[in-house]
Amino acid sequence: MPAVSSVRACIAGGLIALQFLLPCVAEVPATESVKTLRHLFILSGQSNMTAALEGGFREVVHRELGEGGVSIVRQSKPGRGIRFWVENYGLPEGHPLHGQLKAGNGEEFPKLLAAARSAGDPKSFATVTFVWMQGESDANRDLAAAYAQSFTTLLARLKGELGITNMRFVIGRISDHGLHGPQAGGWKAMREVQVKLAESDPLGAWIDTDDLNGGDVNQPQGELHYPADQYPKLGARFAEAAIKRLRDPSTPK
């Protein structure tokens, strides 16, 4: 009997211990689980999507997610409107440039696709995130009317070509540089479109860049291109937003 009692005690003790252990397993934070997955980050845009930005992005992502499961690629081209990534770009009727702006449309997309595929089979990654720093060229030409449709088309084609269902994205809202000049109207409209694109999609996010363009009391508009020392900060900000989206349990898988 003592032996039986001893066994029963051990079993009871084990069950008690298991009750304490199970909640610990169930409550492993999402921040830990994402580190065990493979993630692809595709960075693209025009001149403000620089190598220095990529460096700042990489530093944060590697620190938060580790290096083993993370792949980062970048494709950018200075002075390019979004139409250079969208072959069937078009402005609505009534716009002064409707039916125009056809030369070169979509020519950057194959380069973007090649960059994305250089990391391996996109379907082998648990998540794919698109990071976009572009829009200044469109704002300067008052082309916000075509931007939302163009960005949506770009995302859809990229997902289709890569064979994936969901793609998180982070948009860098263009800075307040152009709000102080003759293109203020187009600049304001572009910023509003970019925010709406991000906030209306459960997979989207956007970052504020106004404080990074070198503006001060004497020159509130700052510069179109950010000071060199601000690009790593811009990259880090993109990375933080992207990782926050990865760790958000409400984000569709």
Foldseek 3Di string as FASTA:
>chain_A
DVVVVVVVVVVVVVVVVVVVVVVVVVPPALLVVQLVFAEEEEEEEEDQSDPLLVVLQVVQCCVRNNDPRYHYFYDYYHPDALQLCAQPFAADPPDPQGPHDRPNGNVRNVVSLVRRCVVPQPVRGPAYEYEYEYDPNCLQVLNLRRPLVSVVRSVVVSCVVSVHDDYAYEYEQQEQLPCPDPSNVSSVSNSVSNCCSQVVDLRHYYDYCHVFQQADPVRNSHDNHGPPVSSSVNSNRSNVVNVVSVSPPVRDD
